[in-house]
C-alpha cells in the first residue's frame, strides 16, 4: 500500500494489526487521553455511523515496517488504544488485535488481546 492513503479501520486491523507483531516503541508517550477525549472519538464514530457517512477521518496512523514481521506504531497510538478499549467494552470476548508496549518489556507483560486496559 502506498503512503498517505485513506483506509478503513477494518483494513488497518486486518492488514496490519492482526498480521504483524505491532509494538509501541519506547520513545512514544504513555496513553494520555482523558475520558472526554476518548468519549469524543466514540461519539464522533457513532454519529458518523448513524448518519451513514461513507467516510470518517480519525486522523493519521503511521506504522514503520521493520521487515522482520514487526511494525512500530509511530503515530496514532492514542486512537488505536481508544478504539481497542471501545471494541472490548462492546464485545469483551471477541479477539480484535494485539500490540505491545516496548517500555513494558521485562516487566509485567501487557497483552491487549486478552485483557482490557
Protein backbone atom coordinates (compact mmCIF):
# COMPACT_ATOMS: atom_id res chain seq x y z
CA UNK A 1 0.00 0.00 0.00
CA UNK A 2 1.23 3.50 -0.76
CA UNK A 3 1.78 6.28 1.69
CA UNK A 4 -0.88 8.78 2.78
CA UNK A 5 -3.93 6.88 1.62
CA UNK A 6 -7.27 6.95 3.39
CA UNK A 7 -8.19 3.45 4.56
CA UNK A 8 -10.76 1.99 6.93
CA UNK A 9 -10.14 0.86 10.49
CA UNK A 10 -11.20 -2.58 9.30
CA UNK A 11 -8.39 -2.54 6.73
CA UNK A 12 -5.81 -1.39 9.28
CA UNK A 13 -6.91 -4.07 11.74
CA UNK A 14 -6.95 -6.93 9.22
CA UNK A 15 -3.99 -5.97 7.02
CA UNK A 16 -1.63 -4.80 9.75
CA UNK A 17 -2.69 -5.15 13.39
CA UNK A 18 -3.66 -8.81 13.03
CA UNK A 19 -0.82 -9.75 10.67
CA UNK A 20 2.25 -8.17 12.27
CA UNK A 21 3.88 -8.02 15.68
CA UNK A 22 2.88 -4.42 16.44
CA UNK A 23 4.57 -2.54 19.21
CA UNK A 24 4.64 0.97 20.56
CA UNK A 25 8.31 1.97 20.79
CA UNK A 26 9.88 3.22 23.98
CA UNK A 27 10.13 6.77 22.61
CA UNK A 28 6.33 7.11 22.47
CA UNK A 29 4.45 8.65 25.38
CA UNK A 30 2.11 6.69 27.60
CA UNK A 31 -1.61 6.67 26.96
CA UNK A 32 -2.73 10.21 27.83
CA UNK A 33 -6.28 10.64 26.59
CA UNK A 34 -8.77 11.52 29.29
CA UNK A 35 -12.34 10.22 29.26
CA UNK A 36 -13.58 13.36 27.49
CA UNK A 37 -11.20 12.94 24.55
CA UNK A 38 -11.91 9.21 24.25
CA UNK A 39 -15.66 9.85 24.51
CA UNK A 40 -15.45 12.42 21.72
CA UNK A 41 -13.88 9.86 19.37
CA UNK A 42 -16.54 7.28 20.30
CA UNK A 43 -19.37 9.82 19.87
CA UNK A 44 -17.99 11.01 16.53
CA UNK A 45 -17.76 7.43 15.26
CA UNK A 46 -21.30 6.70 16.44
CA UNK A 47 -22.64 9.88 14.82
CA UNK A 48 -20.92 9.01 11.53
CA UNK A 49 -22.47 5.53 11.70
CA UNK A 50 -25.97 6.87 12.41
CA UNK A 51 -25.65 9.39 9.58
CA UNK A 52 -24.45 6.60 7.26
CA UNK A 53 -21.32 8.57 6.43
CA UNK A 54 -19.18 6.70 3.95
CA UNK A 55 -16.00 8.23 5.35
CA UNK A 56 -14.87 9.47 8.71
CA UNK A 57 -11.39 10.82 9.17
CA UNK A 58 -9.99 9.78 12.53
CA UNK A 59 -6.52 11.15 11.93
CA UNK A 60 -3.15 9.82 10.88
CA UNK A 61 -1.93 6.37 11.83
CA UNK A 62 1.69 5.70 10.99
CA UNK A 63 3.34 2.28 11.09
CA UNK A 64 7.01 1.58 10.40
CA UNK A 65 7.67 -1.83 8.85
CA UNK A 66 10.90 -3.33 10.20
CA UNK A 67 10.80 -6.11 7.55
CA UNK A 68 11.11 -8.81 10.21
CA UNK A 69 7.42 -9.31 10.90
CA UNK A 70 7.43 -6.40 13.36
CA UNK A 71 5.97 -2.95 12.97
CA UNK A 72 6.31 0.11 15.15
CA UNK A 73 3.17 2.13 15.81
CA UNK A 74 4.69 5.59 15.37
CA UNK A 75 1.61 7.81 15.25
CA UNK A 76 -2.00 7.11 16.20
CA UNK A 77 -1.44 5.10 19.35
CA UNK A 78 -3.98 7.14 21.36
CA UNK A 79 -6.67 6.45 18.72
CA UNK A 80 -5.73 2.78 18.34
CA UNK A 81 -5.75 2.16 22.12
CA UNK A 82 -9.06 4.02 22.47
CA UNK A 83 -10.56 2.07 19.57
CA UNK A 84 -9.41 -1.17 21.18
CA UNK A 85 -10.93 -0.23 24.55
CA UNK A 86 -14.20 0.67 22.82
CA UNK A 87 -14.32 -2.65 20.97
CA UNK A 88 -13.51 -4.57 24.16
CA UNK A 89 -16.26 -2.74 26.01
CA UNK A 90 -18.82 -3.54 23.31
CA UNK A 91 -17.78 -7.18 22.85
CA UNK A 92 -15.40 -8.21 25.65
CA UNK A 93 -14.94 -11.81 24.50
CA UNK A 94 -14.10 -11.10 20.87
CA UNK A 95 -10.49 -11.01 19.72
CA UNK A 96 -9.62 -7.99 17.62
CA UNK A 97 -5.88 -7.44 17.57
CA UNK A 98 -2.96 -7.20 19.91
CA UNK A 99 0.06 -4.99 20.36
CA UNK A 100 2.67 -4.47 22.99
CA UNK A 101 4.43 -1.56 24.55
CA UNK A 102 8.21 -1.68 24.37
CA UNK A 103 8.53 0.20 27.67
CA UNK A 104 6.81 -2.69 29.43
CA UNK A 105 9.17 -5.38 28.16
CA UNK A 106 10.92 -7.11 31.02
CA UNK A 107 8.16 -6.05 33.41
CA UNK A 108 4.56 -7.15 33.56
CA UNK A 109 3.52 -8.31 30.10
CA UNK A 110 0.60 -6.41 28.62
CA UNK A 111 -1.15 -8.50 26.02
CA UNK A 112 -4.08 -6.45 24.89
CA UNK A 113 -5.51 -9.44 23.06
CA UNK A 114 -6.55 -10.97 26.38
CA UNK A 115 -7.10 -8.08 28.74
CA UNK A 116 -8.82 -4.74 28.66
CA UNK A 117 -6.58 -1.82 29.54
